[in-house]
């Protein structure tokens, strides 16, 4: 059991690290690029952020609940355990923020690329989408931090 448990735990921790790290790194990169107000910079950074979401975040989003469920069953935790239910609800909240963020990042990339290609300023729609993207990041980031806390401390 220890070998299987340790492998599952390692994969779970690794994927949560990728999820958090890629999310935080991508958010910082997008925020920093946005501050330049340079459509070329924003388009280039957003292209990398969108790619990182597909390469790193999406697999981690799938791996997290699969390994988490396997760990819960292996360890015999009841699904009604308060910290576990809280973590699951927060994971759903984070996902509810992440899905529109992925769409918004693609739109921000496309709007910035279009502005860069035509030599036009970033359109008002870009700024509107950016504000929504920025606002969705806070509950998602906070939710992931609280999930980490719940996983480590498992409060009653």
N, C-alpha and C. Protein backbone atom coordinates (compact mmCIF):
# COMPACT_ATOMS: atom_id res chain seq x y z
N UNK A 1 0.82 -1.20 0.00
CA UNK A 1 0.00 0.00 0.00
C UNK A 1 0.86 1.26 0.00
N UNK A 2 1.94 1.26 0.75
CA UNK A 2 2.76 2.47 0.85
C UNK A 2 3.27 2.91 -0.51
N UNK A 3 3.71 1.98 -1.35
CA UNK A 3 4.21 2.34 -2.67
C UNK A 3 3.15 3.00 -3.53
N UNK A 4 1.96 2.37 -3.59
CA UNK A 4 0.87 2.94 -4.38
C UNK A 4 0.40 4.28 -3.83
N UNK A 5 0.32 4.35 -2.52
CA UNK A 5 -0.09 5.60 -1.88
C UNK A 5 0.92 6.70 -2.17
N UNK A 6 2.20 6.40 -2.02
CA UNK A 6 3.23 7.41 -2.23
C UNK A 6 3.26 7.88 -3.68
N UNK A 7 3.07 6.99 -4.61
CA UNK A 7 3.04 7.38 -6.02
C UNK A 7 1.85 8.30 -6.29
N UNK A 8 0.67 7.91 -5.78
CA UNK A 8 -0.52 8.75 -5.95
C UNK A 8 -0.33 10.12 -5.29
N UNK A 9 0.21 10.11 -4.09
CA UNK A 9 0.43 11.36 -3.38
C UNK A 9 1.42 12.25 -4.14
N UNK A 10 2.49 11.65 -4.65
CA UNK A 10 3.48 12.40 -5.42
C UNK A 10 2.84 13.03 -6.66
N UNK A 11 2.07 12.25 -7.40
CA UNK A 11 1.41 12.77 -8.60
C UNK A 11 0.43 13.88 -8.22
N UNK A 12 -0.31 13.68 -7.13
CA UNK A 12 -1.28 14.68 -6.67
C UNK A 12 -0.56 15.99 -6.30
N UNK A 13 0.52 15.88 -5.56
CA UNK A 13 1.27 17.07 -5.15
C UNK A 13 1.92 17.73 -6.36
N UNK A 14 2.50 16.94 -7.24
CA UNK A 14 3.13 17.50 -8.43
C UNK A 14 2.12 18.23 -9.31
N UNK A 15 0.96 17.62 -9.52
CA UNK A 15 -0.04 18.27 -10.36
C UNK A 15 -0.62 19.52 -9.69
N UNK A 16 -0.75 19.51 -8.36
CA UNK A 16 -1.23 20.71 -7.68
C UNK A 16 -0.19 21.82 -7.77
N UNK A 17 1.08 21.45 -7.73
CA UNK A 17 2.15 22.43 -7.87
C UNK A 17 2.13 23.03 -9.28
N UNK A 18 1.96 22.18 -10.28
CA UNK A 18 1.85 22.69 -11.66
C UNK A 18 0.64 23.60 -11.81
N UNK A 19 -0.48 23.19 -11.24
CA UNK A 19 -1.70 23.98 -11.33
C UNK A 19 -1.50 25.36 -10.70
N UNK A 20 -0.98 25.39 -9.50
CA UNK A 20 -0.77 26.65 -8.79
C UNK A 20 0.33 27.48 -9.44
N UNK A 21 1.45 26.84 -9.73
CA UNK A 21 2.59 27.56 -10.29
C UNK A 21 2.31 28.13 -11.67
N UNK A 22 1.70 27.33 -12.52
CA UNK A 22 1.38 27.82 -13.86
C UNK A 22 0.34 28.93 -13.78
N UNK A 23 -0.65 28.75 -12.90
CA UNK A 23 -1.66 29.80 -12.74
C UNK A 23 -1.08 31.10 -12.25
N UNK A 24 -0.25 31.02 -11.22
CA UNK A 24 0.36 32.23 -10.67
C UNK A 24 1.34 32.86 -11.67
N UNK A 25 2.15 32.03 -12.30
CA UNK A 25 3.11 32.55 -13.28
C UNK A 25 2.41 33.18 -14.48
N UNK A 26 1.38 32.52 -14.96
CA UNK A 26 0.62 33.06 -16.10
C UNK A 26 -0.08 34.36 -15.74
N UNK A 27 -0.66 34.39 -14.55
CA UNK A 27 -1.34 35.61 -14.12
C UNK A 27 -0.36 36.77 -14.00
N UNK A 28 0.81 36.51 -13.42
CA UNK A 28 1.81 37.56 -13.30
C UNK A 28 2.27 38.03 -14.68
N UNK A 29 2.53 37.10 -15.58
CA UNK A 29 2.99 37.45 -16.92
C UNK A 29 1.94 38.30 -17.65
N UNK A 30 0.67 37.89 -17.56
CA UNK A 30 -0.40 38.66 -18.22
C UNK A 30 -0.53 40.05 -17.60
N UNK A 31 -0.51 40.12 -16.28
CA UNK A 31 -0.62 41.40 -15.60
C UNK A 31 0.54 42.31 -15.98
N UNK A 32 1.74 41.77 -15.98
CA UNK A 32 2.93 42.55 -16.31
C UNK A 32 2.87 43.02 -17.76
N UNK A 33 2.46 42.16 -18.68
CA UNK A 33 2.34 42.54 -20.09
C UNK A 33 1.27 43.62 -20.26
N UNK A 34 0.15 43.46 -19.57
CA UNK A 34 -0.94 44.42 -19.67
C UNK A 34 -0.48 45.82 -19.25
N UNK A 35 0.35 45.87 -18.24
CA UNK A 35 0.83 47.17 -17.74
C UNK A 35 1.66 47.93 -18.78
N UNK A 36 2.21 47.23 -19.77
CA UNK A 36 2.98 47.91 -20.81
C UNK A 36 2.06 48.67 -21.77
N UNK A 37 0.82 48.25 -21.87
CA UNK A 37 -0.16 48.81 -22.81
C UNK A 37 0.28 48.64 -24.28
N UNK A 38 1.28 47.80 -24.49
CA UNK A 38 1.82 47.53 -25.83
C UNK A 38 1.15 46.28 -26.37
N UNK A 39 0.34 46.44 -27.40
CA UNK A 39 -0.42 45.32 -27.95
C UNK A 39 0.50 44.19 -28.43
N UNK A 40 1.67 44.53 -28.95
CA UNK A 40 2.60 43.48 -29.41
C UNK A 40 3.09 42.63 -28.25
N UNK A 41 3.43 43.28 -27.15
CA UNK A 41 3.91 42.57 -25.95
C UNK A 41 2.78 41.71 -25.39
N UNK A 42 1.61 42.29 -25.27
CA UNK A 42 0.46 41.56 -24.73
C UNK A 42 0.12 40.35 -25.58
N UNK A 43 0.12 40.53 -26.90
CA UNK A 43 -0.20 39.42 -27.80
C UNK A 43 0.81 38.28 -27.65
N UNK A 44 2.09 38.62 -27.57
CA UNK A 44 3.13 37.60 -27.44
C UNK A 44 3.03 36.87 -26.10
N UNK A 45 2.84 37.61 -25.03
CA UNK A 45 2.74 36.99 -23.71
C UNK A 45 1.46 36.16 -23.62
N UNK A 46 0.37 36.69 -24.10
CA UNK A 46 -0.90 35.95 -24.04
C UNK A 46 -0.83 34.66 -24.85
N UNK A 47 -0.11 34.67 -25.95
CA UNK A 47 0.07 33.45 -26.74
C UNK A 47 0.74 32.37 -25.88
N UNK A 48 1.78 32.75 -25.13
CA UNK A 48 2.46 31.80 -24.24
C UNK A 48 1.59 31.36 -23.08
N UNK A 49 0.79 32.26 -22.55
CA UNK A 49 -0.10 31.94 -21.43
C UNK A 49 -1.16 30.94 -21.88
N UNK A 50 -1.74 31.16 -23.04
CA UNK A 50 -2.75 30.23 -23.56
C UNK A 50 -2.12 28.85 -23.78
N UNK A 51 -0.92 28.82 -24.32
CA UNK A 51 -0.23 27.54 -24.53
C UNK A 51 0.04 26.85 -23.19
N UNK A 52 0.52 27.61 -22.21
CA UNK A 52 0.80 27.03 -20.88
C UNK A 52 -0.46 26.45 -20.25
N UNK A 53 -1.59 27.11 -20.47
CA UNK A 53 -2.84 26.57 -19.92
C UNK A 53 -3.14 25.19 -20.51
N UNK A 54 -2.93 25.03 -21.81
CA UNK A 54 -3.24 23.74 -22.43
C UNK A 54 -2.21 22.67 -22.09
N UNK A 55 -0.94 23.07 -22.00
CA UNK A 55 0.11 22.08 -21.77
C UNK A 55 0.22 21.68 -20.31
N UNK A 56 0.09 22.63 -19.39
CA UNK A 56 0.31 22.35 -17.97
C UNK A 56 -0.97 22.33 -17.14
N UNK A 57 -1.78 23.39 -17.27
CA UNK A 57 -2.94 23.53 -16.39
C UNK A 57 -4.02 22.50 -16.69
N UNK A 58 -4.36 22.32 -17.95
CA UNK A 58 -5.44 21.40 -18.28
C UNK A 58 -5.16 19.97 -17.80
N UNK A 59 -3.98 19.42 -18.06
CA UNK A 59 -3.73 18.07 -17.51
C UNK A 59 -3.80 18.03 -15.98
N UNK A 60 -3.30 19.07 -15.34
CA UNK A 60 -3.34 19.11 -13.87
C UNK A 60 -4.78 19.17 -13.37
N UNK A 61 -5.63 19.91 -14.07
CA UNK A 61 -7.04 20.01 -13.69
C UNK A 61 -7.71 18.64 -13.75
N UNK A 62 -7.31 17.81 -14.68
CA UNK A 62 -7.86 16.45 -14.81
C UNK A 62 -7.24 15.51 -13.78
N UNK A 63 -5.93 15.63 -13.59
CA UNK A 63 -5.21 14.73 -12.68
C UNK A 63 -5.60 14.96 -11.23
N UNK A 64 -5.83 16.21 -10.84
CA UNK A 64 -6.14 16.52 -9.43
C UNK A 64 -7.33 15.73 -8.88
N UNK A 65 -8.50 15.80 -9.50
CA UNK A 65 -9.63 15.05 -8.92
C UNK A 65 -9.44 13.54 -9.03
N UNK A 66 -8.77 13.08 -10.08
CA UNK A 66 -8.56 11.63 -10.22
C UNK A 66 -7.66 11.10 -9.11
N UNK A 67 -6.53 11.76 -8.88
CA UNK A 67 -5.62 11.30 -7.83
C UNK A 67 -6.21 11.59 -6.45
N UNK A 68 -6.91 12.70 -6.32
CA UNK A 68 -7.55 13.02 -5.04
C UNK A 68 -8.58 11.98 -4.66
N UNK A 69 -9.42 11.57 -5.61
CA UNK A 69 -10.43 10.54 -5.34
C UNK A 69 -9.77 9.22 -4.99
N UNK A 70 -8.71 8.88 -5.71
CA UNK A 70 -8.01 7.63 -5.41
C UNK A 70 -7.41 7.67 -4.01
N UNK A 71 -6.84 8.81 -3.62
CA UNK A 71 -6.27 8.93 -2.27
C UNK A 71 -7.35 8.84 -1.20
N UNK A 72 -8.49 9.47 -1.44
CA UNK A 72 -9.59 9.43 -0.47
C UNK A 72 -10.04 7.99 -0.27
N UNK A 73 -10.20 7.26 -1.36
CA UNK A 73 -10.65 5.87 -1.26
C UNK A 73 -9.58 4.99 -0.62
N UNK A 74 -8.33 5.21 -1.00
CA UNK A 74 -7.23 4.42 -0.45
C UNK A 74 -7.07 4.62 1.05
N UNK A 75 -7.26 5.87 1.49
CA UNK A 75 -7.10 6.19 2.91
C UNK A 75 -8.38 5.97 3.71
N UNK A 76 -9.49 5.76 3.02
CA UNK A 76 -10.75 5.47 3.70
C UNK A 76 -11.44 6.68 4.30
N UNK A 77 -11.13 7.88 3.81
CA UNK A 77 -11.83 9.07 4.31
C UNK A 77 -13.28 9.05 3.84
N UNK A 78 -14.22 9.35 4.71
CA UNK A 78 -15.61 9.50 4.24
C UNK A 78 -15.71 10.76 3.37
N UNK A 79 -16.49 10.67 2.31
CA UNK A 79 -16.66 11.82 1.42
C UNK A 79 -17.38 12.97 2.13
N UNK A 80 -17.98 12.68 3.27
CA UNK A 80 -18.69 13.72 4.03
C UNK A 80 -17.80 14.44 5.03
N UNK A 81 -16.50 14.12 5.06
CA UNK A 81 -15.57 14.81 5.96
C UNK A 81 -15.56 16.29 5.61
N UNK A 82 -15.69 17.13 6.64
CA UNK A 82 -15.88 18.57 6.41
C UNK A 82 -14.76 19.20 5.59
N UNK A 83 -13.49 18.94 5.92
CA UNK A 83 -12.40 19.57 5.18
C UNK A 83 -12.36 19.09 3.73
N UNK A 84 -12.74 17.84 3.51
CA UNK A 84 -12.75 17.28 2.17
C UNK A 84 -13.88 17.90 1.33
N UNK A 85 -15.06 18.02 1.94
CA UNK A 85 -16.17 18.68 1.24
C UNK A 85 -15.82 20.13 0.91
N UNK A 86 -15.20 20.83 1.86
CA UNK A 86 -14.80 22.22 1.62
C UNK A 86 -13.81 22.30 0.47
N UNK A 87 -12.84 21.39 0.45
CA UNK A 87 -11.85 21.38 -0.63
C UNK A 87 -12.51 21.11 -1.98
N UNK A 88 -13.44 20.19 -2.01
CA UNK A 88 -14.14 19.87 -3.26
C UNK A 88 -14.97 21.06 -3.75
N UNK A 89 -15.68 21.72 -2.84
CA UNK A 89 -16.46 22.89 -3.22
C UNK A 89 -15.56 24.02 -3.73
N UNK A 90 -14.44 24.20 -3.06
CA UNK A 90 -13.50 25.23 -3.51
C UNK A 90 -12.91 24.87 -4.87
N UNK A 91 -12.65 23.60 -5.11
CA UNK A 91 -12.14 23.15 -6.41
C UNK A 91 -13.15 23.48 -7.50
N UNK A 92 -14.42 23.28 -7.21
CA UNK A 92 -15.47 23.62 -8.18
C UNK A 92 -15.52 25.14 -8.40
N UNK A 93 -15.37 25.92 -7.33
CA UNK A 93 -15.33 27.38 -7.47
C UNK A 93 -14.15 27.81 -8.33
N UNK A 94 -12.98 27.23 -8.05
CA UNK A 94 -11.78 27.56 -8.83
C UNK A 94 -12.02 27.21 -10.31
N UNK A 95 -12.60 26.06 -10.56
CA UNK A 95 -12.91 25.66 -11.93
C UNK A 95 -13.91 26.58 -12.59
N UNK A 96 -14.89 27.03 -11.81
CA UNK A 96 -15.90 27.96 -12.36
C UNK A 96 -15.26 29.29 -12.73
N UNK A 97 -14.17 29.65 -12.09
CA UNK A 97 -13.42 30.86 -12.46
C UNK A 97 -12.48 30.57 -13.61
N UNK A 98 -11.85 29.40 -13.61
CA UNK A 98 -10.82 29.08 -14.59
C UNK A 98 -11.40 28.93 -16.00
N UNK A 99 -12.54 28.31 -16.13
CA UNK A 99 -13.11 28.09 -17.47
C UNK A 99 -13.32 29.42 -18.21
N UNK A 100 -13.96 30.42 -17.61
CA UNK A 100 -14.06 31.69 -18.35
C UNK A 100 -12.70 32.38 -18.52
N UNK A 101 -11.79 32.18 -17.58
CA UNK A 101 -10.45 32.78 -17.71
C UNK A 101 -9.75 32.25 -18.96
N UNK A 102 -9.86 30.97 -19.22
CA UNK A 102 -9.25 30.39 -20.43
C UNK A 102 -9.84 31.05 -21.67
N UNK A 103 -11.14 31.19 -21.71
CA UNK A 103 -11.79 31.84 -22.86
C UNK A 103 -11.33 33.29 -22.97
N UNK A 104 -11.29 33.99 -21.83
CA UNK A 104 -10.88 35.40 -21.84
C UNK A 104 -9.43 35.56 -22.29
N UNK A 105 -8.56 34.67 -21.86
CA UNK A 105 -7.16 34.76 -22.28
C UNK A 105 -7.02 34.62 -23.79
N UNK A 106 -7.80 33.75 -24.37
CA UNK A 106 -7.77 33.60 -25.84
C UNK A 106 -8.28 34.87 -26.52
N UNK A 107 -9.34 35.43 -25.97
CA UNK A 107 -9.89 36.67 -26.54
C UNK A 107 -8.92 37.82 -26.36
N UNK A 108 -8.29 37.94 -25.19
CA UNK A 108 -7.30 38.99 -24.95
C UNK A 108 -6.15 38.86 -25.94
N UNK A 109 -5.69 37.64 -26.13
CA UNK A 109 -4.62 37.38 -27.11
C UNK A 109 -5.03 37.84 -28.50
N UNK A 110 -6.23 37.44 -28.93
CA UNK A 110 -6.69 37.77 -30.28
C UNK A 110 -6.90 39.27 -30.46
N UNK A 111 -7.48 39.92 -29.45
CA UNK A 111 -7.70 41.38 -29.54
C UNK A 111 -6.37 42.13 -29.57
N UNK A 112 -5.42 41.68 -28.77
CA UNK A 112 -4.11 42.33 -28.76
C UNK A 112 -3.38 42.09 -30.08
N UNK A 113 -3.47 40.88 -30.59
CA UNK A 113 -2.82 40.58 -31.87
C UNK A 113 -3.42 41.42 -33.00
N UNK A 114 -4.73 41.54 -32.99
CA UNK A 114 -5.39 42.35 -34.02
C UNK A 114 -4.96 43.82 -33.92
N UNK A 115 -4.89 44.33 -32.70
CA UNK A 115 -4.45 45.72 -32.50
C UNK A 115 -3.00 45.89 -32.95
N UNK A 116 -2.15 44.93 -32.62
CA UNK A 116 -0.74 45.01 -33.02
C UNK A 116 -0.60 44.94 -34.53
N UNK A 117 -1.35 44.04 -35.16
CA UNK A 117 -1.25 43.88 -36.62
C UNK A 117 -1.73 45.10 -37.39
N UNK A 118 -2.70 45.82 -36.83
CA UNK A 118 -3.28 46.98 -37.53
C UNK A 118 -2.71 48.30 -37.03
N UNK A 119 -1.87 48.25 -36.00
CA UNK A 119 -1.30 49.48 -35.46
C UNK A 119 -2.31 50.32 -34.69
N UNK A 120 -3.40 49.70 -34.29
CA UNK A 120 -4.45 50.40 -33.54
C UNK A 120 -4.23 50.22 -32.05
N UNK A 121 -4.81 51.12 -31.25
CA UNK A 121 -4.74 50.90 -29.79
C UNK A 121 -5.61 49.72 -29.39
N UNK A 122 -5.36 49.23 -28.20
CA UNK A 122 -6.20 48.14 -27.68
C UNK A 122 -7.64 48.64 -27.59
N UNK A 123 -8.59 47.86 -28.07
CA UNK A 123 -9.99 48.31 -28.06
C UNK A 123 -10.59 48.28 -26.66
N UNK A 124 -11.68 49.01 -26.45
CA UNK A 124 -12.36 48.99 -25.15
C UNK A 124 -12.75 47.58 -24.71
N UNK A 125 -13.10 46.72 -25.66
CA UNK A 125 -13.47 45.34 -25.31
C UNK A 125 -12.29 44.62 -24.66
N UNK A 126 -11.08 44.87 -25.12
CA UNK A 126 -9.90 44.27 -24.49
C UNK A 126 -9.86 44.65 -23.01
N UNK A 127 -10.02 45.94 -22.73
CA UNK A 127 -9.93 46.42 -21.34
C UNK A 127 -11.06 45.85 -20.48
N UNK A 128 -12.23 45.72 -21.07
CA UNK A 128 -13.36 45.12 -20.33
C UNK A 128 -13.06 43.66 -20.00
N UNK A 129 -12.58 42.91 -20.99
CA UNK A 129 -12.25 41.51 -20.76
C UNK A 129 -11.11 41.37 -19.75
N UNK A 130 -10.14 42.27 -19.82
CA UNK A 130 -9.02 42.21 -18.88
C UNK A 130 -9.51 42.40 -17.44
N UNK A 131 -10.40 43.35 -17.24
CA UNK A 131 -10.92 43.59 -15.89
C UNK A 131 -11.65 42.36 -15.36
N UNK A 132 -12.43 41.70 -16.20
CA UNK A 132 -13.13 40.48 -15.80
C UNK A 132 -12.12 39.37 -15.50
N UNK A 133 -11.12 39.22 -16.39
CA UNK A 133 -10.07 38.23 -16.19
C UNK A 133 -9.37 38.45 -14.85
N UNK A 134 -9.02 39.70 -14.57
CA UNK A 134 -8.32 40.05 -13.33
C UNK A 134 -9.20 39.75 -12.11
N UNK A 135 -10.47 40.10 -12.19
CA UNK A 135 -11.39 39.87 -11.08
C UNK A 135 -11.58 38.38 -10.80
N UNK A 136 -11.64 37.56 -11.85
CA UNK A 136 -11.82 36.11 -11.66
C UNK A 136 -10.59 35.45 -11.06
N UNK A 137 -9.44 36.07 -11.23
CA UNK A 137 -8.21 35.50 -10.70
C UNK A 137 -8.16 35.47 -9.19
N UNK A 138 -8.75 36.46 -8.55
CA UNK A 138 -8.68 36.55 -7.08
C UNK A 138 -9.39 35.40 -6.37
N UNK A 139 -10.64 35.10 -6.68
CA UNK A 139 -11.26 33.95 -5.99
C UNK A 139 -10.59 32.63 -6.37
N UNK A 140 -10.11 32.52 -7.60
CA UNK A 140 -9.43 31.28 -8.00
C UNK A 140 -8.14 31.10 -7.22
N UNK A 141 -7.33 32.14 -7.16
CA UNK A 141 -6.06 32.08 -6.43
C UNK A 141 -6.30 31.80 -4.95
N UNK A 142 -7.22 32.55 -4.36
CA UNK A 142 -7.53 32.36 -2.94
C UNK A 142 -8.06 30.96 -2.68
N UNK A 143 -8.91 30.47 -3.57
CA UNK A 143 -9.45 29.12 -3.41
C UNK A 143 -8.37 28.06 -3.42
N UNK A 144 -7.40 28.19 -4.32
CA UNK A 144 -6.31 27.22 -4.38
C UNK A 144 -5.47 27.26 -3.11
N UNK A 145 -5.19 28.46 -2.61
CA UNK A 145 -4.41 28.58 -1.36
C UNK A 145 -5.16 27.91 -0.21
N UNK A 146 -6.46 28.13 -0.12
CA UNK A 146 -7.24 27.51 0.95
C UNK A 146 -7.29 25.99 0.78
N UNK A 147 -7.37 25.52 -0.45
CA UNK A 147 -7.34 24.06 -0.68
C UNK A 147 -6.01 23.48 -0.19
N UNK A 148 -4.91 24.15 -0.51
CA UNK A 148 -3.61 23.70 0.01
C UNK A 148 -3.66 23.60 1.54
N UNK A 149 -4.19 24.63 2.17
CA UNK A 149 -4.27 24.66 3.63
C UNK A 149 -5.10 23.48 4.14
N UNK A 150 -6.25 23.25 3.51
CA UNK A 150 -7.13 22.14 3.92
C UNK A 150 -6.43 20.80 3.75
N UNK A 151 -5.71 20.62 2.66
CA UNK A 151 -5.02 19.36 2.40
C UNK A 151 -3.91 19.09 3.42
N UNK A 152 -3.24 20.15 3.83
CA UNK A 152 -2.14 19.97 4.79
C UNK A 152 -2.65 19.78 6.21
N UNK A 153 -3.58 20.63 6.64
CA UNK A 153 -4.01 20.62 8.04
C UNK A 153 -5.22 19.76 8.33
N UNK A 154 -6.05 19.47 7.32
CA UNK A 154 -7.23 18.61 7.48
C UNK A 154 -8.01 18.93 8.75
N UNK A 155 -8.47 20.17 8.88
CA UNK A 155 -9.17 20.55 10.13
C UNK A 155 -10.49 19.80 10.28
N UNK A 156 -10.88 19.58 11.53
CA UNK A 156 -12.16 18.90 11.81
C UNK A 156 -13.33 19.83 11.62
